[in-house]
């Protein structure tokens, strides 16, 4: 899935009001975190993931690892917050421009 810059901008605007639905803790990108991201993406399509302090996670590189494992698209990396998007296969709610 490849998104245009206007689609990314639209999704980033929609994500502005969201609260993080998944948090990466001291153990880093565990299987449980990946499963929580997968469940959250299926429910909401657009989510924020917060990376805790001193997790040992490379905030700029590991977001792409998580996106690959969850089959999602990285929309933004803002400090310790990642924004991910994956449309539902059945009945997607978010309509892209």
Protein backbone atom coordinates (compact mmCIF):
# COMPACT_ATOMS: atom_id res chain seq x y z
CA UNK A 1 0.00 0.00 0.00
CA UNK A 2 1.43 3.32 -1.01
CA UNK A 3 -0.10 6.60 0.14
CA UNK A 4 0.24 9.99 -1.50
CA UNK A 5 1.38 13.02 0.46
CA UNK A 6 -2.17 14.44 0.52
CA UNK A 7 -3.51 11.16 1.91
CA UNK A 8 -0.79 11.15 4.60
CA UNK A 9 -1.61 14.75 5.47
CA UNK A 10 -5.31 13.87 5.75
CA UNK A 11 -4.58 10.90 8.04
CA UNK A 12 -2.18 12.95 10.15
CA UNK A 13 -4.96 15.50 10.67
CA UNK A 14 -7.39 12.77 11.70
CA UNK A 15 -4.83 11.37 14.15
CA UNK A 16 -4.29 14.70 15.85
CA UNK A 17 -7.17 14.21 18.29
CA UNK A 18 -6.44 10.53 19.02
CA UNK A 19 -4.95 9.26 22.25
CA UNK A 20 -2.30 6.52 22.11
CA UNK A 21 -3.98 3.11 22.09
CA UNK A 22 -0.80 1.03 22.51
CA UNK A 23 2.32 1.69 24.58
CA UNK A 24 5.76 0.18 24.03
CA UNK A 25 7.24 -0.53 27.45
CA UNK A 26 10.61 -1.51 28.87
CA UNK A 27 10.65 -4.85 27.02
CA UNK A 28 10.50 -3.13 23.62
CA UNK A 29 8.70 -4.55 20.59
CA UNK A 30 7.47 -7.80 22.06
CA UNK A 31 5.00 -10.19 20.48
CA UNK A 32 2.34 -8.83 22.84
CA UNK A 33 2.90 -5.27 21.58
CA UNK A 34 2.65 -6.44 17.97
CA UNK A 35 -0.57 -8.32 18.74
CA UNK A 36 -2.04 -5.27 20.52
CA UNK A 37 -1.17 -3.08 17.53
CA UNK A 38 -2.76 -5.59 15.15
CA UNK A 39 -5.99 -5.74 17.20
CA UNK A 40 -6.11 -1.96 17.56
CA UNK A 41 -5.56 -1.40 13.83
CA UNK A 42 -8.35 -3.83 12.98
CA UNK A 43 -10.70 -1.97 15.32
CA UNK A 44 -9.74 1.62 14.51
CA UNK A 45 -7.66 1.66 11.27
CA UNK A 46 -5.67 4.70 12.47
CA UNK A 47 -3.83 4.52 15.80
CA UNK A 48 -1.14 6.16 17.87
CA UNK A 49 1.57 4.12 19.57
CA UNK A 50 3.53 5.69 22.42
CA UNK A 51 7.12 4.64 23.07
CA UNK A 52 8.11 4.87 26.73
CA UNK A 53 11.35 6.41 27.93
CA UNK A 54 14.39 4.16 28.33
CA UNK A 55 12.87 1.30 26.34
CA UNK A 56 15.90 0.63 24.19
CA UNK A 57 13.71 1.10 21.12
CA UNK A 58 15.12 3.14 18.25
CA UNK A 59 12.20 5.51 17.73
CA UNK A 60 13.02 6.26 14.10
CA UNK A 61 13.93 2.78 12.87
CA UNK A 62 11.78 0.39 14.89
CA UNK A 63 8.55 2.06 13.75
CA UNK A 64 9.19 0.54 10.33
CA UNK A 65 9.79 -2.88 11.90
CA UNK A 66 6.46 -2.62 13.69
CA UNK A 67 4.72 -1.40 10.54
CA UNK A 68 6.07 -4.33 8.57
CA UNK A 69 5.00 -6.84 11.23
CA UNK A 70 1.51 -5.32 11.44
CA UNK A 71 1.15 -4.78 7.66
CA UNK A 72 0.49 -1.08 8.24
CA UNK A 73 1.72 2.25 6.91
CA UNK A 74 3.75 4.73 8.95
CA UNK A 75 1.96 8.08 8.82
CA UNK A 76 4.09 10.09 11.23
CA UNK A 77 6.79 9.86 13.89
CA UNK A 78 6.36 12.73 16.33
CA UNK A 79 8.75 12.52 19.25
CA UNK A 80 7.91 9.28 21.05
CA UNK A 81 4.56 8.86 19.29
CA UNK A 82 4.05 6.80 16.15
CA UNK A 83 0.97 7.07 13.94
CA UNK A 84 0.07 3.91 12.00
CA UNK A 85 -2.67 3.24 9.46
CA UNK A 86 -4.08 0.05 7.99
CA UNK A 87 -7.48 0.03 6.28
CA UNK A 88 -9.86 -2.77 7.10
CA UNK A 89 -10.25 -5.37 4.42
CA UNK A 90 -14.01 -5.44 5.00
CA UNK A 91 -15.86 -2.13 5.21
CA UNK A 92 -13.10 0.46 5.80
CA UNK A 93 -14.34 3.47 7.79
CA UNK A 94 -11.75 6.06 6.78
CA UNK A 95 -12.21 7.43 3.29
CA UNK A 96 -9.00 8.73 1.74
CA UNK A 97 -8.98 11.73 -0.59
